[in-house]
Amino acid sequence: QVQLVESGGGSVQTGGSLRLSCAASGNILRINDMGWYRQALGKQRELVGTTTGNFADSVKGRFFVSGNNAEKTIYLQMNSLKPEDTALYYCYGDSLGRRYWGQGTQVTVSS
């Protein structure tokens, strides 16, 4: 089993920055991929970015994913935030063919 806990969400004005963190615990040795999704109110969950460099077009050049591979902790640096970035942000980790999710952290961008 893998547990994921996100932190760092909050409210920010347009153009601001936030950094989200995701810490994995449990059987972390078998985690082979981690990344971020988000879900805005009334919309489907969508990919934001992964540790392998795959990013949604809407965030390319503004959002960056980094991490500590040994500790399985990853970060999402979000710059030049826009109101349309407002969503619940989820961290995921893939281990032994199963995807685990965190509980999500809210990001709200006001104009």
N, C-alpha and C. Protein backbone atom coordinates (compact mmCIF):
# COMPACT_ATOMS: atom_id res chain seq x y z
N GLN A 1 0.84 -1.20 0.00
CA GLN A 1 0.00 0.00 0.00
C GLN A 1 0.87 1.25 0.00
N VAL A 2 0.35 2.27 -0.63
CA VAL A 2 1.03 3.57 -0.71
C VAL A 2 0.05 4.64 -0.25
N GLN A 3 0.54 5.53 0.56
CA GLN A 3 -0.26 6.68 0.98
C GLN A 3 0.41 7.94 0.45
N LEU A 4 -0.42 8.87 -0.01
CA LEU A 4 0.07 10.13 -0.56
C LEU A 4 -0.63 11.28 0.14
N VAL A 5 0.15 12.27 0.54
CA VAL A 5 -0.40 13.43 1.22
C VAL A 5 0.09 14.69 0.53
N GLU A 6 -0.86 15.48 0.04
CA GLU A 6 -0.52 16.76 -0.59
C GLU A 6 -0.59 17.90 0.42
N SER A 7 0.16 18.94 0.14
CA SER A 7 0.09 20.15 0.96
C SER A 7 0.51 21.34 0.10
N GLY A 8 0.24 22.54 0.59
CA GLY A 8 0.71 23.74 -0.09
C GLY A 8 -0.34 24.50 -0.86
N GLY A 9 -1.56 23.98 -0.89
CA GLY A 9 -2.61 24.70 -1.60
C GLY A 9 -3.00 25.98 -0.86
N GLY A 10 -3.80 26.79 -1.52
CA GLY A 10 -4.25 28.02 -0.92
C GLY A 10 -4.86 28.96 -1.94
N SER A 11 -5.00 30.20 -1.54
CA SER A 11 -5.57 31.22 -2.41
C SER A 11 -4.50 32.20 -2.83
N VAL A 12 -4.55 32.59 -4.09
CA VAL A 12 -3.55 33.52 -4.62
C VAL A 12 -4.20 34.36 -5.70
N GLN A 13 -3.65 35.52 -5.95
CA GLN A 13 -4.17 36.38 -7.01
C GLN A 13 -3.57 35.99 -8.36
N THR A 14 -4.23 36.41 -9.42
CA THR A 14 -3.74 36.17 -10.78
C THR A 14 -2.31 36.66 -10.90
N GLY A 15 -1.48 35.80 -11.50
CA GLY A 15 -0.07 36.12 -11.67
C GLY A 15 0.82 35.63 -10.56
N GLY A 16 0.23 35.17 -9.48
CA GLY A 16 1.01 34.69 -8.35
C GLY A 16 1.54 33.28 -8.55
N SER A 17 2.21 32.79 -7.52
CA SER A 17 2.82 31.46 -7.56
C SER A 17 2.44 30.67 -6.31
N LEU A 18 2.44 29.36 -6.48
CA LEU A 18 2.25 28.44 -5.37
C LEU A 18 3.11 27.21 -5.62
N ARG A 19 3.50 26.55 -4.54
CA ARG A 19 4.25 25.31 -4.65
C ARG A 19 3.54 24.24 -3.85
N LEU A 20 3.12 23.21 -4.54
CA LEU A 20 2.47 22.08 -3.89
C LEU A 20 3.51 20.99 -3.62
N SER A 21 3.29 20.27 -2.54
CA SER A 21 4.14 19.14 -2.19
C SER A 21 3.31 17.88 -2.08
N CYS A 22 3.93 16.75 -2.36
CA CYS A 22 3.27 15.46 -2.21
C CYS A 22 4.29 14.49 -1.63
N ALA A 23 3.95 13.96 -0.45
CA ALA A 23 4.84 13.02 0.22
C ALA A 23 4.23 11.63 0.21
N ALA A 24 5.00 10.66 -0.23
CA ALA A 24 4.54 9.27 -0.27
C ALA A 24 5.06 8.52 0.95
N SER A 25 4.27 7.59 1.42
CA SER A 25 4.70 6.71 2.52
C SER A 25 4.14 5.32 2.26
N GLY A 26 4.62 4.38 3.05
CA GLY A 26 4.21 2.99 2.84
C GLY A 26 5.22 2.28 1.98
N ASN A 27 4.76 1.50 1.02
CA ASN A 27 5.63 0.72 0.15
C ASN A 27 6.10 1.58 -1.01
N ILE A 28 7.00 2.52 -0.72
CA ILE A 28 7.38 3.51 -1.73
C ILE A 28 8.45 2.99 -2.69
N LEU A 29 9.11 1.91 -2.35
CA LEU A 29 10.21 1.43 -3.17
C LEU A 29 9.78 1.02 -4.57
N ARG A 30 8.52 0.62 -4.72
CA ARG A 30 8.04 0.14 -6.00
C ARG A 30 7.33 1.23 -6.82
N ILE A 31 7.32 2.45 -6.33
CA ILE A 31 6.69 3.53 -7.08
C ILE A 31 7.55 3.85 -8.29
N ASN A 32 6.95 3.80 -9.49
CA ASN A 32 7.75 4.03 -10.69
C ASN A 32 7.31 5.27 -11.47
N ASP A 33 6.28 5.93 -11.02
CA ASP A 33 5.84 7.16 -11.68
C ASP A 33 5.01 7.97 -10.69
N MET A 34 5.18 9.27 -10.72
CA MET A 34 4.38 10.16 -9.89
C MET A 34 4.04 11.41 -10.69
N GLY A 35 2.98 12.06 -10.29
CA GLY A 35 2.62 13.29 -10.99
C GLY A 35 1.40 13.94 -10.36
N TRP A 36 0.83 14.87 -11.12
CA TRP A 36 -0.27 15.69 -10.62
C TRP A 36 -1.44 15.73 -11.61
N TYR A 37 -2.63 15.67 -11.06
CA TYR A 37 -3.86 15.91 -11.80
C TYR A 37 -4.61 17.03 -11.09
N ARG A 38 -5.61 17.57 -11.75
CA ARG A 38 -6.48 18.54 -11.10
C ARG A 38 -7.91 18.36 -11.58
N GLN A 39 -8.83 18.81 -10.76
CA GLN A 39 -10.25 18.73 -11.10
C GLN A 39 -10.94 20.00 -10.67
N ALA A 40 -11.41 20.74 -11.64
CA ALA A 40 -12.18 21.95 -11.37
C ALA A 40 -13.63 21.57 -11.14
N LEU A 41 -14.34 22.44 -10.46
CA LEU A 41 -15.74 22.18 -10.13
C LEU A 41 -16.56 21.95 -11.40
N GLY A 42 -17.23 20.81 -11.46
CA GLY A 42 -18.08 20.50 -12.60
C GLY A 42 -17.34 19.97 -13.82
N LYS A 43 -16.04 19.74 -13.69
CA LYS A 43 -15.25 19.25 -14.82
C LYS A 43 -14.58 17.93 -14.47
N GLN A 44 -14.08 17.26 -15.52
CA GLN A 44 -13.38 16.00 -15.30
C GLN A 44 -11.97 16.24 -14.80
N ARG A 45 -11.45 15.25 -14.13
CA ARG A 45 -10.06 15.32 -13.68
C ARG A 45 -9.14 15.31 -14.89
N GLU A 46 -8.13 16.17 -14.89
CA GLU A 46 -7.22 16.26 -16.02
C GLU A 46 -5.77 16.24 -15.55
N LEU A 47 -4.91 15.72 -16.44
CA LEU A 47 -3.49 15.67 -16.15
C LEU A 47 -2.91 17.08 -16.08
N VAL A 48 -2.05 17.32 -15.11
CA VAL A 48 -1.31 18.57 -15.03
C VAL A 48 0.13 18.34 -15.47
N GLY A 49 0.82 17.45 -14.80
CA GLY A 49 2.21 17.18 -15.16
C GLY A 49 2.75 15.98 -14.40
N THR A 50 3.79 15.39 -14.95
CA THR A 50 4.38 14.20 -14.35
C THR A 50 5.89 14.38 -14.17
N THR A 51 6.49 13.49 -13.40
CA THR A 51 7.93 13.55 -13.19
C THR A 51 8.69 13.17 -14.45
N THR A 52 8.02 12.56 -15.40
CA THR A 52 8.67 12.20 -16.66
C THR A 52 8.58 13.29 -17.70
N GLY A 53 8.01 14.46 -17.32
CA GLY A 53 8.02 15.60 -18.22
C GLY A 53 6.81 15.75 -19.11
N ASN A 54 5.75 15.06 -18.81
CA ASN A 54 4.52 15.18 -19.59
C ASN A 54 3.62 16.23 -18.93
N PHE A 55 3.27 17.28 -19.68
CA PHE A 55 2.48 18.37 -19.13
C PHE A 55 1.29 18.69 -20.01
N ALA A 56 0.22 19.15 -19.39
CA ALA A 56 -0.91 19.66 -20.16
C ALA A 56 -0.49 20.91 -20.91
N ASP A 57 -1.02 21.09 -22.10
CA ASP A 57 -0.67 22.27 -22.89
C ASP A 57 -0.97 23.57 -22.14
N SER A 58 -2.03 23.55 -21.37
CA SER A 58 -2.47 24.77 -20.68
C SER A 58 -1.51 25.23 -19.59
N VAL A 59 -0.58 24.35 -19.17
CA VAL A 59 0.33 24.73 -18.09
C VAL A 59 1.80 24.74 -18.51
N LYS A 60 2.08 24.33 -19.74
CA LYS A 60 3.46 24.27 -20.19
C LYS A 60 4.12 25.64 -20.09
N GLY A 61 5.32 25.66 -19.54
CA GLY A 61 6.06 26.89 -19.37
C GLY A 61 5.70 27.66 -18.11
N ARG A 62 4.64 27.25 -17.43
CA ARG A 62 4.24 27.91 -16.18
C ARG A 62 4.37 26.98 -14.98
N PHE A 63 4.11 25.71 -15.19
CA PHE A 63 4.15 24.72 -14.10
C PHE A 63 5.34 23.80 -14.29
N PHE A 64 5.94 23.40 -13.18
CA PHE A 64 7.11 22.53 -13.23
C PHE A 64 7.01 21.48 -12.12
N VAL A 65 7.41 20.26 -12.46
CA VAL A 65 7.39 19.17 -11.49
C VAL A 65 8.82 18.78 -11.16
N SER A 66 9.09 18.66 -9.86
CA SER A 66 10.41 18.21 -9.43
C SER A 66 10.20 17.24 -8.28
N GLY A 67 11.30 16.61 -7.85
CA GLY A 67 11.12 15.68 -6.75
C GLY A 67 12.37 15.05 -6.24
N ASN A 68 12.22 14.38 -5.13
CA ASN A 68 13.29 13.60 -4.52
C ASN A 68 12.96 12.14 -4.75
N ASN A 69 13.67 11.52 -5.68
CA ASN A 69 13.31 10.16 -6.06
C ASN A 69 13.48 9.16 -4.93
N ALA A 70 14.49 9.36 -4.11
CA ALA A 70 14.73 8.41 -3.02
C ALA A 70 13.61 8.46 -1.99
N GLU A 71 13.14 9.65 -1.68
CA GLU A 71 12.09 9.80 -0.67
C GLU A 71 10.70 9.77 -1.27
N LYS A 72 10.61 9.76 -2.60
CA LYS A 72 9.32 9.78 -3.29
C LYS A 72 8.48 10.96 -2.82
N THR A 73 9.11 12.10 -2.84
CA THR A 73 8.41 13.36 -2.58
C THR A 73 8.48 14.19 -3.84
N ILE A 74 7.35 14.69 -4.28
CA ILE A 74 7.38 15.51 -5.49
C ILE A 74 6.74 16.87 -5.21
N TYR A 75 7.06 17.80 -6.09
CA TYR A 75 6.58 19.17 -5.95
C TYR A 75 5.99 19.64 -7.27
N LEU A 76 5.03 20.52 -7.16
CA LEU A 76 4.48 21.19 -8.33
C LEU A 76 4.62 22.68 -8.13
N GLN A 77 5.55 23.27 -8.88
CA GLN A 77 5.75 24.71 -8.84
C GLN A 77 4.84 25.34 -9.87
N MET A 78 3.96 26.20 -9.43
CA MET A 78 2.97 26.83 -10.31
C MET A 78 3.23 28.33 -10.35
N ASN A 79 3.55 28.83 -11.52
CA ASN A 79 3.83 30.26 -11.70
C ASN A 79 2.80 30.88 -12.64
N SER A 80 2.73 32.19 -12.60
CA SER A 80 1.81 32.93 -13.48
C SER A 80 0.41 32.32 -13.44
N LEU A 81 -0.09 32.13 -12.25
CA LEU A 81 -1.38 31.46 -12.08
C LEU A 81 -2.52 32.29 -12.65
N LYS A 82 -3.51 31.57 -13.18
CA LYS A 82 -4.68 32.18 -13.78
C LYS A 82 -5.93 31.68 -13.07
N PRO A 83 -7.03 32.42 -13.16
CA PRO A 83 -8.27 31.94 -12.54
C PRO A 83 -8.68 30.54 -13.01
N GLU A 84 -8.37 30.22 -14.26
CA GLU A 84 -8.74 28.90 -14.77
C GLU A 84 -7.87 27.77 -14.20
N ASP A 85 -6.86 28.11 -13.43
CA ASP A 85 -6.08 27.09 -12.73
C ASP A 85 -6.74 26.68 -11.41
N THR A 86 -7.81 27.36 -11.04
CA THR A 86 -8.52 27.02 -9.82
C THR A 86 -9.07 25.61 -9.90
N ALA A 87 -8.70 24.78 -8.93
CA ALA A 87 -9.10 23.37 -8.94
C ALA A 87 -8.61 22.69 -7.67
N LEU A 88 -9.07 21.47 -7.52
CA LEU A 88 -8.52 20.59 -6.49
C LEU A 88 -7.39 19.80 -7.16
N TYR A 89 -6.21 19.90 -6.59
CA TYR A 89 -5.03 19.27 -7.18
C TYR A 89 -4.71 17.99 -6.43
N TYR A 90 -4.55 16.92 -7.23
CA TYR A 90 -4.29 15.59 -6.69
C TYR A 90 -2.91 15.10 -7.12
N CYS A 91 -2.23 14.49 -6.20
CA CYS A 91 -0.99 13.79 -6.49
C CYS A 91 -1.30 12.32 -6.72
N TYR A 92 -0.58 11.67 -7.63
CA TYR A 92 -0.74 10.23 -7.82
C TYR A 92 0.63 9.55 -7.80
N GLY A 93 0.60 8.27 -7.50
CA GLY A 93 1.80 7.45 -7.59
C GLY A 93 1.42 6.07 -8.11
N ASP A 94 2.20 5.56 -9.05
CA ASP A 94 1.95 4.25 -9.63
C ASP A 94 2.93 3.24 -9.04
N SER A 95 2.37 2.13 -8.56
CA SER A 95 3.20 1.09 -7.95
C SER A 95 2.60 -0.27 -8.27
N LEU A 96 3.40 -1.13 -8.87
CA LEU A 96 2.98 -2.51 -9.17
C LEU A 96 1.64 -2.54 -9.90
N GLY A 97 1.50 -1.67 -10.86
CA GLY A 97 0.32 -1.67 -11.70
C GLY A 97 -0.91 -1.03 -11.11
N ARG A 98 -0.77 -0.40 -9.99
CA ARG A 98 -1.92 0.26 -9.36
C ARG A 98 -1.61 1.73 -9.18
N ARG A 99 -2.62 2.58 -9.36
CA ARG A 99 -2.47 4.01 -9.16
C ARG A 99 -3.08 4.40 -7.81
N TYR A 100 -2.28 5.09 -7.03
CA TYR A 100 -2.73 5.60 -5.74
C TYR A 100 -2.91 7.11 -5.84
N TRP A 101 -3.87 7.63 -5.07
CA TRP A 101 -4.18 9.06 -5.10
C TRP A 101 -4.11 9.66 -3.70
N GLY A 102 -3.70 10.92 -3.67
CA GLY A 102 -3.81 11.67 -2.44
C GLY A 102 -5.22 12.20 -2.27
N GLN A 103 -5.44 12.94 -1.19
CA GLN A 103 -6.78 13.44 -0.89
C GLN A 103 -7.08 14.76 -1.61
N GLY A 104 -6.04 15.37 -2.16
CA GLY A 104 -6.22 16.63 -2.89
C GLY A 104 -5.98 17.84 -2.04
N THR A 105 -5.54 18.91 -2.70
CA THR A 105 -5.35 20.19 -2.03
C THR A 105 -5.91 21.28 -2.94
N GLN A 106 -6.66 22.19 -2.38
CA GLN A 106 -7.38 23.21 -3.15
C GLN A 106 -6.48 24.37 -3.51
N VAL A 107 -6.54 24.76 -4.77
CA VAL A 107 -5.87 25.96 -5.26
C VAL A 107 -6.95 26.88 -5.83
N THR A 108 -6.97 28.10 -5.34
CA THR A 108 -7.95 29.09 -5.80
C THR A 108 -7.20 30.33 -6.27
N VAL A 109 -7.45 30.72 -7.51
CA VAL A 109 -6.80 31.89 -8.09
C VAL A 109 -7.87 32.93 -8.38
N SER A 110 -7.72 34.08 -7.78
CA SER A 110 -8.70 35.14 -7.95
C SER A 110 -8.19 36.20 -8.92
N SER A 111 -9.12 36.81 -9.62
CA SER A 111 -8.73 37.82 -10.61
C SER A 111 -8.68 39.20 -9.98
